[in-house]
Amino acid sequence: MQVVRLLLYCGSRWIDLDAVDSIRNDTALHRIARSSTGINATAIIELLISAGAHIDCFNSYYSTPFDVAILPEICSLLQSKQRVPRLKCLCARLITDQELNYNLVWPINTAMNRFIMLHGDLSRQQLTSDESSILDDFDVFD
C-alpha cells in the first residue's frame, strides 16, 4: 500500500494512470477490481481514483472496472464513485459509438486519440504503446 502511495506521489508526472495492458487492454483499475483477494484492493482503488484514474474506461471486452469487479466490497466502492460522466468522456463515447474516423482528424499517437480509444474504441482497435506493457511486467494486481 505504501509503495502505491509513493509511486502516485513521486511519479505522478510520469505515471499514466490509464495505461493499459496488452492482454485485455485493462487499466490498473480493471486489474485491481478483478482481484479476488481484496487485500488493500479498496484502498488502492481509492488512491487511483483520487489521483485521477478514469473509472469509465473500457477494455477490449467493452467492460469498465465496475463490470469486472468480483468482490462485493469492490463493486460497492466503484458504484459509489460513479459520477455523472464528464462532457469529454461523453463526446469520446459518442465518437466511438458512431464509428467516426477520428484518426483522420488528429495524428494517431496523440493524447486525444488515446483518450477516445480508452472510452470505447479499444474493443475495435489495438492500442499500441510503450506504456501499455508496464503493468504486464509486474503482476501486482494478479
Protein backbone atom coordinates (compact mmCIF):
# COMPACT_ATOMS: atom_id res chain seq x y z
CA MET A 1 0.00 0.00 0.00
CA GLN A 2 2.79 2.39 0.88
CA VAL A 3 4.52 1.60 -2.42
CA VAL A 4 1.42 2.56 -4.40
CA ARG A 5 1.09 5.79 -2.42
CA LEU A 6 4.79 6.58 -3.01
CA LEU A 7 4.55 5.86 -6.75
CA LEU A 8 1.49 8.06 -7.12
CA TYR A 9 3.04 10.88 -5.11
CA CYS A 10 6.55 10.87 -6.60
CA GLY A 11 5.81 9.61 -10.08
CA SER A 12 2.62 11.45 -10.87
CA ARG A 13 4.29 13.29 -13.74
CA TRP A 14 5.42 10.13 -15.45
CA ILE A 15 2.80 7.57 -14.50
CA ASP A 16 -0.15 7.16 -16.82
CA LEU A 17 -2.96 6.04 -14.53
CA ASP A 18 -4.97 4.87 -17.52
CA ALA A 19 -2.19 2.86 -19.18
CA VAL A 20 -3.48 -0.45 -20.49
CA ASP A 21 -2.01 -3.93 -20.54
CA SER A 22 -1.53 -5.83 -23.78
CA ILE A 23 -3.78 -8.75 -22.87
CA ARG A 24 -7.26 -7.28 -22.37
CA ASN A 25 -6.40 -3.57 -22.57
CA ASP A 26 -7.17 -3.36 -18.86
CA THR A 27 -6.27 -0.27 -16.87
CA ALA A 28 -4.90 -0.53 -13.34
CA LEU A 29 -8.46 -0.09 -12.07
CA HIS A 30 -9.62 -3.07 -14.14
CA ARG A 31 -6.79 -5.21 -12.81
CA ILE A 32 -7.31 -4.37 -9.15
CA ALA A 33 -11.12 -4.62 -9.46
CA ARG A 34 -10.71 -8.14 -10.85
CA SER A 35 -8.63 -9.07 -7.81
CA SER A 36 -10.17 -11.80 -5.70
CA THR A 37 -8.02 -11.26 -2.62
CA GLY A 38 -9.43 -7.92 -1.53
CA ILE A 39 -6.28 -7.21 0.47
CA ASN A 40 -5.76 -3.45 0.16
CA ALA A 41 -7.78 -3.51 -3.07
CA THR A 42 -10.31 -0.95 -1.91
CA ALA A 43 -7.60 1.34 -0.57
CA ILE A 44 -5.65 1.10 -3.84
CA ILE A 45 -8.81 1.81 -5.84
CA GLU A 46 -9.45 4.88 -3.67
CA LEU A 47 -5.88 6.08 -4.28
CA LEU A 48 -6.07 5.55 -8.04
CA ILE A 49 -9.39 7.35 -8.37
CA SER A 50 -8.30 10.25 -6.18
CA ALA A 51 -5.13 10.52 -8.29
CA GLY A 52 -7.25 10.90 -11.43
CA ALA A 53 -7.71 7.42 -12.90
CA HIS A 54 -10.77 7.22 -15.15
CA ILE A 55 -13.40 4.93 -13.72
CA ASP A 56 -15.28 4.85 -17.04
CA CYS A 57 -12.57 3.41 -19.29
CA PHE A 58 -13.48 0.35 -21.33
CA ASN A 59 -11.20 -2.62 -22.01
CA SER A 60 -11.19 -4.82 -25.13
CA TYR A 61 -14.39 -6.50 -23.98
CA TYR A 62 -16.21 -3.18 -23.55
CA SER A 63 -16.12 -3.63 -19.76
CA THR A 64 -15.48 -0.96 -17.15
CA PRO A 65 -13.72 -1.69 -13.84
CA PHE A 66 -17.16 -1.99 -12.23
CA ASP A 67 -18.17 -4.63 -14.80
CA VAL A 68 -15.17 -6.85 -13.99
CA ALA A 69 -15.25 -6.43 -10.19
CA ILE A 70 -15.52 -9.73 -8.34
CA LEU A 71 -15.81 -8.87 -4.65
CA PRO A 72 -18.96 -7.16 -3.34
CA GLU A 73 -16.98 -4.51 -1.44
CA ILE A 74 -15.14 -3.54 -4.62
CA CYS A 75 -18.43 -3.39 -6.56
CA SER A 76 -19.92 -1.16 -3.85
CA LEU A 77 -16.90 1.13 -3.82
CA LEU A 78 -16.81 1.51 -7.59
CA GLN A 79 -20.55 2.09 -7.72
CA SER A 80 -20.27 4.79 -5.04
CA LYS A 81 -17.55 6.52 -7.07
CA GLN A 82 -19.69 6.68 -10.22
CA ARG A 83 -20.44 10.26 -11.13
CA VAL A 84 -22.20 11.96 -13.99
CA PRO A 85 -19.79 11.44 -16.90
CA ARG A 86 -17.72 14.43 -17.92
CA LEU A 87 -18.55 16.04 -21.23
CA LYS A 88 -15.24 14.97 -22.76
CA CYS A 89 -15.95 11.35 -21.80
CA LEU A 90 -19.43 11.52 -23.33
CA CYS A 91 -18.00 13.02 -26.52
CA ALA A 92 -15.37 10.29 -26.73
CA ARG A 93 -18.07 7.63 -26.35
CA LEU A 94 -20.22 9.29 -28.99
CA ILE A 95 -17.29 9.33 -31.42
CA THR A 96 -16.70 5.60 -30.90
CA ASP A 97 -20.40 4.67 -30.89
CA GLN A 98 -20.91 6.46 -34.20
CA GLU A 99 -17.68 4.87 -35.51
CA LEU A 100 -16.36 8.23 -36.68
CA ASN A 101 -12.94 8.03 -38.29
CA TYR A 102 -11.16 10.33 -35.87
CA ASN A 103 -7.73 9.12 -37.00
CA LEU A 104 -8.06 11.46 -39.96
CA VAL A 105 -8.57 14.47 -37.68
CA TRP A 106 -5.69 14.00 -35.22
CA PRO A 107 -2.38 12.22 -35.69
CA ILE A 108 -2.61 8.61 -34.50
CA ASN A 109 -0.27 8.79 -31.50
CA THR A 110 -1.84 11.77 -29.75
CA ALA A 111 -3.40 12.08 -26.33
CA MET A 112 -6.76 12.82 -27.97
CA ASN A 113 -6.79 9.54 -29.92
CA ARG A 114 -5.71 7.60 -26.87
CA PHE A 115 -8.45 9.20 -24.77
CA ILE A 116 -11.09 8.27 -27.35
CA MET A 117 -9.81 4.71 -27.54
CA LEU A 118 -9.98 4.34 -23.75
CA HIS A 119 -13.61 5.39 -23.80
CA GLY A 120 -14.88 2.68 -26.09
CA ASP A 121 -12.70 2.05 -29.09
CA LEU A 122 -10.30 -0.47 -27.54
CA SER A 123 -12.76 -3.22 -28.34
CA ARG A 124 -12.33 -2.42 -32.04
CA GLN A 125 -8.67 -1.42 -32.17
CA GLN A 126 -5.47 -2.49 -30.54
CA LEU A 127 -3.78 0.29 -28.61
CA THR A 128 -0.06 0.05 -29.15
CA SER A 129 2.07 1.99 -26.77
CA ASP A 130 5.33 1.59 -24.92
CA GLU A 131 3.49 2.40 -21.70
CA SER A 132 0.91 -0.34 -22.23
CA SER A 133 3.35 -3.05 -21.23
CA ILE A 134 4.27 -1.50 -17.88
CA LEU A 135 1.61 -3.40 -15.96
CA ASP A 136 2.42 -6.66 -17.74
CA ASP A 137 5.94 -6.63 -16.33
CA PHE A 138 4.66 -6.57 -12.78
CA ASP A 139 1.83 -8.85 -11.78
CA VAL A 140 0.93 -6.59 -8.88
CA PHE A 141 -2.79 -6.90 -9.42
CA ASP A 142 -3.00 -10.64 -10.10
